[in-house]
PDB file of N, CA and C in Angstrom:
ATOM      1  N   MET A   1       0.785  -1.188   0.000  1.00  0.00           N
ATOM      2  CA  MET A   1       0.000   0.000   0.000  1.00  0.00           C
ATOM      3  C   MET A   1       0.837   1.268   0.000  1.00  0.00           C
ATOM      4  N   PRO A   2       2.107   1.205  -0.338  1.00  0.00           N
ATOM      5  CA  PRO A   2       2.883   2.440  -0.355  1.00  0.00           C
ATOM      6  C   PRO A   2       2.411   3.403  -1.441  1.00  0.00           C
ATOM      7  N   ASP A   3       1.830   2.879  -2.533  1.00  0.00           N
ATOM      8  CA  ASP A   3       1.335   3.766  -3.575  1.00  0.00           C
ATOM      9  C   ASP A   3       0.190   4.631  -3.060  1.00  0.00           C
ATOM     10  N   THR A   4      -0.685   4.035  -2.279  1.00  0.00           N
ATOM     11  CA  THR A   4      -1.807   4.777  -1.718  1.00  0.00           C
ATOM     12  C   THR A   4      -1.315   5.818  -0.728  1.00  0.00           C
ATOM     13  N   ALA A   5      -0.352   5.458   0.091  1.00  0.00           N
ATOM     14  CA  ALA A   5       0.181   6.396   1.074  1.00  0.00           C
ATOM     15  C   ALA A   5       0.897   7.552   0.377  1.00  0.00           C
ATOM     16  N   ASP A   6       1.629   7.259  -0.688  1.00  0.00           N
ATOM     17  CA  ASP A   6       2.319   8.319  -1.420  1.00  0.00           C
ATOM     18  C   ASP A   6       1.322   9.248  -2.103  1.00  0.00           C
ATOM     19  N   ALA A   7       0.273   8.679  -2.661  1.00  0.00           N
ATOM     20  CA  ALA A   7      -0.746   9.492  -3.322  1.00  0.00           C
ATOM     21  C   ALA A   7      -1.474  10.371  -2.308  1.00  0.00           C
ATOM     22  N   ALA A   8      -1.773   9.821  -1.138  1.00  0.00           N
ATOM     23  CA  ALA A   8      -2.450  10.599  -0.101  1.00  0.00           C
ATOM     24  C   ALA A   8      -1.539  11.713   0.405  1.00  0.00           C
ATOM     25  N   ALA A   9      -0.259  11.423   0.556  1.00  0.00           N
ATOM     26  CA  ALA A   9       0.680  12.445   1.010  1.00  0.00           C
ATOM     27  C   ALA A   9       0.806  13.561  -0.023  1.00  0.00           C
ATOM     28  N   ALA A  10       0.793  13.203  -1.293  1.00  0.00           N
ATOM     29  CA  ALA A  10       0.881  14.219  -2.344  1.00  0.00           C
ATOM     30  C   ALA A  10      -0.371  15.087  -2.360  1.00  0.00           C
ATOM     31  N   LEU A  11      -1.547  14.474  -2.166  1.00  0.00           N
ATOM     32  CA  LEU A  11      -2.781  15.256  -2.120  1.00  0.00           C
ATOM     33  C   LEU A  11      -2.817  16.183  -0.912  1.00  0.00           C
ATOM     34  N   LEU A  12      -2.348  15.689   0.221  1.00  0.00           N
ATOM     35  CA  LEU A  12      -2.317  16.530   1.416  1.00  0.00           C
ATOM     36  C   LEU A  12      -1.323  17.670   1.268  1.00  0.00           C
ATOM     37  N   ALA A  13      -0.189  17.416   0.626  1.00  0.00           N
ATOM     38  CA  ALA A  13       0.801  18.468   0.411  1.00  0.00           C
ATOM     39  C   ALA A  13       0.245  19.526  -0.531  1.00  0.00           C
ATOM     40  N   ALA A  14      -0.477  19.106  -1.563  1.00  0.00           N
ATOM     41  CA  ALA A  14      -1.076  20.066  -2.491  1.00  0.00           C
ATOM     42  C   ALA A  14      -2.160  20.878  -1.795  1.00  0.00           C
ATOM     43  N   ALA A  15      -2.933  20.253  -0.929  1.00  0.00           N
ATOM     44  CA  ALA A  15      -3.982  20.968  -0.208  1.00  0.00           C
ATOM     45  C   ALA A  15      -3.387  21.946   0.792  1.00  0.00           C
ATOM     46  N   ALA A  16      -2.263  21.600   1.373  1.00  0.00           N
ATOM     47  CA  ALA A  16      -1.622  22.488   2.341  1.00  0.00           C
ATOM     48  C   ALA A  16      -1.098  23.748   1.662  1.00  0.00           C
ATOM     49  N   GLN A  17      -0.678  23.656   0.420  1.00  0.00           N
ATOM     50  CA  GLN A  17      -0.190  24.826  -0.299  1.00  0.00           C
ATOM     51  C   GLN A  17      -1.339  25.742  -0.705  1.00  0.00           C
ATOM     52  N   GLN A  18      -2.500  25.195  -0.972  1.00  0.00           N
ATOM     53  CA  GLN A  18      -3.633  25.990  -1.408  1.00  0.00           C
ATOM     54  C   GLN A  18      -4.418  26.565  -0.239  1.00  0.00           C
ATOM     55  N   GLY A  19      -4.253  26.040   0.932  1.00  0.00           N
ATOM     56  CA  GLY A  19      -5.020  26.475   2.088  1.00  0.00           C
ATOM     57  C   GLY A  19      -6.090  25.457   2.422  1.00  0.00           C
ATOM     58  N   PRO A  20      -6.722  25.635   3.557  1.00  0.00           N
ATOM     59  CA  PRO A  20      -7.671  24.624   4.022  1.00  0.00           C
ATOM     60  C   PRO A  20      -9.084  24.786   3.472  1.00  0.00           C
ATOM     61  N   GLY A  21      -9.322  25.720   2.575  1.00  0.00           N
ATOM     62  CA  GLY A  21     -10.678  26.009   2.121  1.00  0.00           C
ATOM     63  C   GLY A  21     -11.403  24.825   1.524  1.00  0.00           C
ATOM     64  N   ASN A  22     -10.832  24.194   0.523  1.00  0.00           N
ATOM     65  CA  ASN A  22     -11.497  23.060  -0.129  1.00  0.00           C
ATOM     66  C   ASN A  22     -11.619  21.867   0.810  1.00  0.00           C
ATOM     67  N   THR A  23     -10.597  21.626   1.600  1.00  0.00           N
ATOM     68  CA  THR A  23     -10.639  20.500   2.540  1.00  0.00           C
ATOM     69  C   THR A  23     -11.740  20.703   3.565  1.00  0.00           C
ATOM     70  N   LEU A  24     -11.859  21.903   4.086  1.00  0.00           N
ATOM     71  CA  LEU A  24     -12.903  22.168   5.073  1.00  0.00           C
ATOM     72  C   LEU A  24     -14.293  22.082   4.455  1.00  0.00           C
ATOM     73  N   ARG A  25     -14.434  22.475   3.217  1.00  0.00           N
ATOM     74  CA  ARG A  25     -15.725  22.347   2.542  1.00  0.00           C
ATOM     75  C   ARG A  25     -16.129  20.885   2.407  1.00  0.00           C
ATOM     76  N   ILE A  26     -15.168  20.050   2.038  1.00  0.00           N
ATOM     77  CA  ILE A  26     -15.444  18.620   1.887  1.00  0.00           C
ATOM     78  C   ILE A  26     -15.789  18.003   3.237  1.00  0.00           C
ATOM     79  N   VAL A  27     -15.027  18.340   4.268  1.00  0.00           N
ATOM     80  CA  VAL A  27     -15.288  17.792   5.606  1.00  0.00           C
ATOM     81  C   VAL A  27     -16.665  18.237   6.094  1.00  0.00           C
ATOM     82  N   LEU A  28     -17.013  19.492   5.869  1.00  0.00           N
ATOM     83  CA  LEU A  28     -18.313  20.002   6.290  1.00  0.00           C
ATOM     84  C   LEU A  28     -19.448  19.307   5.539  1.00  0.00           C
ATOM     85  N   LEU A  29     -19.295  19.144   4.251  1.00  0.00           N
ATOM     86  CA  LEU A  29     -20.321  18.487   3.448  1.00  0.00           C
ATOM     87  C   LEU A  29     -20.520  17.037   3.871  1.00  0.00           C
ATOM     88  N   VAL A  30     -19.425  16.322   4.059  1.00  0.00           N
ATOM     89  CA  VAL A  30     -19.516  14.923   4.478  1.00  0.00           C
ATOM     90  C   VAL A  30     -20.127  14.827   5.876  1.00  0.00           C
ATOM     91  N   SER A  31     -19.802  15.760   6.756  1.00  0.00           N
ATOM     92  CA  SER A  31     -20.371  15.752   8.102  1.00  0.00           C
ATOM     93  C   SER A  31     -21.877  15.986   8.071  1.00  0.00           C
ATOM     94  N   ILE A  32     -22.327  16.914   7.261  1.00  0.00           N
ATOM     95  CA  ILE A  32     -23.756  17.202   7.178  1.00  0.00           C
ATOM     96  C   ILE A  32     -24.514  16.012   6.590  1.00  0.00           C
ATOM     97  N   VAL A  33     -23.991  15.443   5.511  1.00  0.00           N
ATOM     98  CA  VAL A  33     -24.654  14.285   4.903  1.00  0.00           C
ATOM     99  C   VAL A  33     -24.639  13.096   5.866  1.00  0.00           C
ATOM    100  N   GLY A  34     -23.538  12.870   6.527  1.00  0.00           N
ATOM    101  CA  GLY A  34     -23.455  11.779   7.501  1.00  0.00           C
ATOM    102  C   GLY A  34     -24.394  11.988   8.674  1.00  0.00           C
ATOM    103  N   GLY A  35     -24.498  13.220   9.151  1.00  0.00           N
ATOM    104  CA  GLY A  35     -25.422  13.512  10.246  1.00  0.00           C
ATOM    105  C   GLY A  35     -26.869  13.297   9.843  1.00  0.00           C
ATOM    106  N   ALA A  36     -27.201  13.688   8.617  1.00  0.00           N
ATOM    107  CA  ALA A  36     -28.570  13.483   8.130  1.00  0.00           C
ATOM    108  C   ALA A  36     -28.877  11.990   8.007  1.00  0.00           C
ATOM    109  N   LEU A  37     -27.940  11.217   7.487  1.00  0.00           N
ATOM    110  CA  LEU A  37     -28.159   9.775   7.368  1.00  0.00           C
ATOM    111  C   LEU A  37     -28.241   9.106   8.743  1.00  0.00           C
ATOM    112  N   LEU A  38     -27.418   9.551   9.681  1.00  0.00           N
ATOM    113  CA  LEU A  38     -27.458   8.999  11.031  1.00  0.00           C
ATOM    114  C   LEU A  38     -28.785   9.327  11.707  1.00  0.00           C
ATOM    115  N   ALA A  39     -29.260  10.558  11.546  1.00  0.00           N
ATOM    116  CA  ALA A  39     -30.544  10.951  12.129  1.00  0.00           C
ATOM    117  C   ALA A  39     -31.674  10.130  11.522  1.00  0.00           C
ATOM    118  N   TRP A  40     -31.657   9.941  10.208  1.00  0.00           N
ATOM    119  CA  TRP A  40     -32.693   9.136   9.558  1.00  0.00           C
ATOM    120  C   TRP A  40     -32.675   7.711  10.090  1.00  0.00           C
ATOM    121  N   PHE A  41     -31.480   7.135  10.215  1.00  0.00           N
ATOM    122  CA  PHE A  41     -31.355   5.755  10.670  1.00  0.00           C
ATOM    123  C   PHE A  41     -31.860   5.599  12.107  1.00  0.00           C
ATOM    124  N   LEU A  42     -31.511   6.549  12.969  1.00  0.00           N
ATOM    125  CA  LEU A  42     -31.923   6.446  14.360  1.00  0.00           C
ATOM    126  C   LEU A  42     -33.406   6.746  14.534  1.00  0.00           C
ATOM    127  N   LEU A  43     -33.916   7.722  13.819  1.00  0.00           N
ATOM    128  CA  LEU A  43     -35.300   8.128  14.005  1.00  0.00           C
ATOM    129  C   LEU A  43     -36.296   7.176  13.360  1.00  0.00           C
ATOM    130  N   ARG A  44     -35.874   6.373  12.405  1.00  0.00           N
ATOM    131  CA  ARG A  44     -36.831   5.458  11.782  1.00  0.00           C
ATOM    132  C   ARG A  44     -37.250   4.363  12.745  1.00  0.00           C
ATOM    133  N   GLY A  45     -36.473   4.126  13.788  1.00  0.00           N
ATOM    134  CA  GLY A  45     -36.863   3.166  14.812  1.00  0.00           C
ATOM    135  C   GLY A  45     -37.980   3.674  15.701  1.00  0.00           C
ATOM    136  N   TYR A  46     -38.194   4.985  15.753  1.00  0.00           N
ATOM    137  CA  TYR A  46     -39.242   5.569  16.582  1.00  0.00           C
ATOM    138  C   TYR A  46     -40.536   5.774  15.809  1.00  0.00           C
ATOM    139  N   ARG A  47     -40.554   5.405  14.538  1.00  0.00           N
ATOM    140  CA  ARG A  47     -41.761   5.553  13.728  1.00  0.00           C
ATOM    141  C   ARG A  47     -42.825   4.600  14.241  1.00  0.00           C
ATOM    142  N   SER A  48     -44.029   5.096  14.421  1.00  0.00           N
ATOM    143  CA  SER A  48     -45.114   4.237  14.895  1.00  0.00           C
ATOM    144  C   SER A  48     -46.009   3.881  13.717  1.00  0.00           C
ATOM    145  N   ASP A  49     -46.299   2.609  13.606  1.00  0.00           N
ATOM    146  CA  ASP A  49     -47.166   2.112  12.552  1.00  0.00           C
ATOM    147  C   ASP A  49     -48.504   1.779  13.192  1.00  0.00           C
ATOM    148  N   ASP A  50     -49.518   2.598  12.925  1.00  0.00           N
ATOM    149  CA  ASP A  50     -50.805   2.459  13.589  1.00  0.00           C
ATOM    150  C   ASP A  50     -51.716   1.430  12.935  1.00  0.00           C
ATOM    151  N   THR A  51     -51.239   0.687  11.960  1.00  0.00           N
ATOM    152  CA  THR A  51     -52.090  -0.287  11.286  1.00  0.00           C
ATOM    153  C   THR A  51     -52.173  -1.596  12.049  1.00  0.00           C
ATOM    154  N   GLU A  52     -51.240  -1.878  12.948  1.00  0.00           N
ATOM    155  CA  GLU A  52     -51.263  -3.127  13.702  1.00  0.00           C
ATOM    156  C   GLU A  52     -51.896  -2.898  15.067  1.00  0.00           C
ATOM    157  N   PRO A  53     -52.691  -3.851  15.545  1.00  0.00           N
ATOM    158  CA  PRO A  53     -53.304  -3.695  16.865  1.00  0.00           C
ATOM    159  C   PRO A  53     -52.281  -3.924  17.963  1.00  0.00           C
ATOM    160  N   THR A  54     -52.581  -3.402  19.140  1.00  0.00           N
ATOM    161  CA  THR A  54     -51.659  -3.568  20.263  1.00  0.00           C
ATOM    162  C   THR A  54     -51.913  -4.858  21.010  1.00  0.00           C
ATOM    163  N   GLY A  55     -53.142  -5.390  20.979  1.00  0.00           N
ATOM    164  CA  GLY A  55     -53.456  -6.630  21.693  1.00  0.00           C
ATOM    165  C   GLY A  55     -53.721  -7.764  20.739  1.00  0.00           C
ATOM    166  N   ASP A  56     -53.640  -8.991  21.250  1.00  0.00           N
ATOM    167  CA  ASP A  56     -53.902 -10.166  20.432  1.00  0.00           C
ATOM    168  C   ASP A  56     -55.313 -10.646  20.718  1.00  0.00           C
ATOM    169  N   THR A  57     -56.273 -10.218  19.908  1.00  0.00           N
ATOM    170  CA  THR A  57     -57.663 -10.601  20.125  1.00  0.00           C
ATOM    171  C   THR A  57     -58.061 -11.819  19.313  1.00  0.00           C
ATOM    172  N   GLY A  58     -57.299 -12.164  18.291  1.00  0.00           N
ATOM    173  CA  GLY A  58     -57.622 -13.306  17.456  1.00  0.00           C
ATOM    174  C   GLY A  58     -58.638 -12.987  16.385  1.00  0.00           C
ATOM    175  N   ASP A  59     -59.093 -11.780  16.311  1.00  0.00           N
ATOM    176  CA  ASP A  59     -60.081 -11.373  15.313  1.00  0.00           C
ATOM    177  C   ASP A  59     -59.364 -11.097  13.997  1.00  0.00           C
ATOM    178  N   THR A  60     -59.784 -11.756  12.916  1.00  0.00           N
ATOM    179  CA  THR A  60     -59.092 -11.586  11.637  1.00  0.00           C
ATOM    180  C   THR A  60     -59.346 -10.220  11.033  1.00  0.00           C
ATOM    181  N   ALA A  61     -60.406  -9.549  11.425  1.00  0.00           N
ATOM    182  CA  ALA A  61     -60.700  -8.229  10.868  1.00  0.00           C
ATOM    183  C   ALA A  61     -59.720  -7.188  11.393  1.00  0.00           C
ATOM    184  N   THR A  62     -59.199  -7.383  12.603  1.00  0.00           N
ATOM    185  CA  THR A  62     -58.286  -6.393  13.161  1.00  0.00           C
ATOM    186  C   THR A  62     -56.828  -6.764  12.955  1.00  0.00           C
ATOM    187  N   THR A  63     -56.528  -8.063  12.834  1.00  0.00           N
ATOM    188  CA  THR A  63     -55.129  -8.452  12.701  1.00  0.00           C
ATOM    189  C   THR A  63     -54.650  -8.441  11.265  1.00  0.00           C
ATOM    190  N   GLY A  64     -55.539  -8.552  10.300  1.00  0.00           N
ATOM    191  CA  GLY A  64     -55.143  -8.520   8.901  1.00  0.00           C
ATOM    192  C   GLY A  64     -54.585  -9.840   8.395  1.00  0.00           C
ATOM    193  N   ASN A  65     -54.796 -10.936   9.136  1.00  0.00           N
ATOM    194  CA  ASN A  65     -54.275 -12.236   8.720  1.00  0.00           C
ATOM    195  C   ASN A  65     -55.354 -13.057   8.030  1.00  0.00           C
ATOM    196  N   THR A  66     -56.112 -12.461   7.158  1.00  0.00           N
ATOM    197  CA  THR A  66     -57.234 -13.150   6.530  1.00  0.00           C
ATOM    198  C   THR A  66     -56.769 -14.265   5.620  1.00  0.00           C
ATOM    199  N   GLU A  67     -55.667 -14.087   4.912  1.00  0.00           N
ATOM    200  CA  GLU A  67     -55.198 -15.135   3.993  1.00  0.00           C
ATOM    201  C   GLU A  67     -54.741 -16.360   4.762  1.00  0.00           C
ATOM    202  N   ARG A  68     -53.999 -16.165   5.833  1.00  0.00           N
ATOM    203  CA  ARG A  68     -53.510 -17.294   6.605  1.00  0.00           C
ATOM    204  C   ARG A  68     -54.673 -18.002   7.295  1.00  0.00           C
ATOM    205  N   ASP A  69     -55.642 -17.231   7.839  1.00  0.00           N
ATOM    206  CA  ASP A  69     -56.767 -17.833   8.537  1.00  0.00           C
ATOM    207  C   ASP A  69     -57.692 -18.564   7.563  1.00  0.00           C
ATOM    208  N   ALA A  70     -57.799 -18.071   6.342  1.00  0.00           N
ATOM    209  CA  ALA A  70     -58.672 -18.717   5.381  1.00  0.00           C
ATOM    210  C   ALA A  70     -58.111 -20.053   4.941  1.00  0.00           C
ATOM    211  N   ASN A  71     -56.792 -20.203   4.965  1.00  0.00           N
ATOM    212  CA  ASN A  71     -56.163 -21.457   4.543  1.00  0.00           C
ATOM    213  C   ASN A  71     -56.040 -22.461   5.672  1.00  0.00           C
ATOM    214  N   ALA A  72     -56.387 -22.096   6.875  1.00  0.00           N
ATOM    215  CA  ALA A  72     -56.214 -22.991   8.032  1.00  0.00           C
ATOM    216  C   ALA A  72     -57.243 -24.081   8.086  1.00  0.00           C
TER     217      ALA A  72
END
């Protein structure tokens, strides 16, 4: 992997000569996109699906298992 390390060192040296502007823009953009994806991933677990009943009554009209019950 010395080729990768040399290429990364050359890119960092070129960025250091130009200033941190482009590097900071990339870091900021990646941070915002990563934060949005992390928030989506975490918050989708709190989504409530109101189509399923909370109790087990065995009634096929409320549970939605009509196909399975019809084949029993």
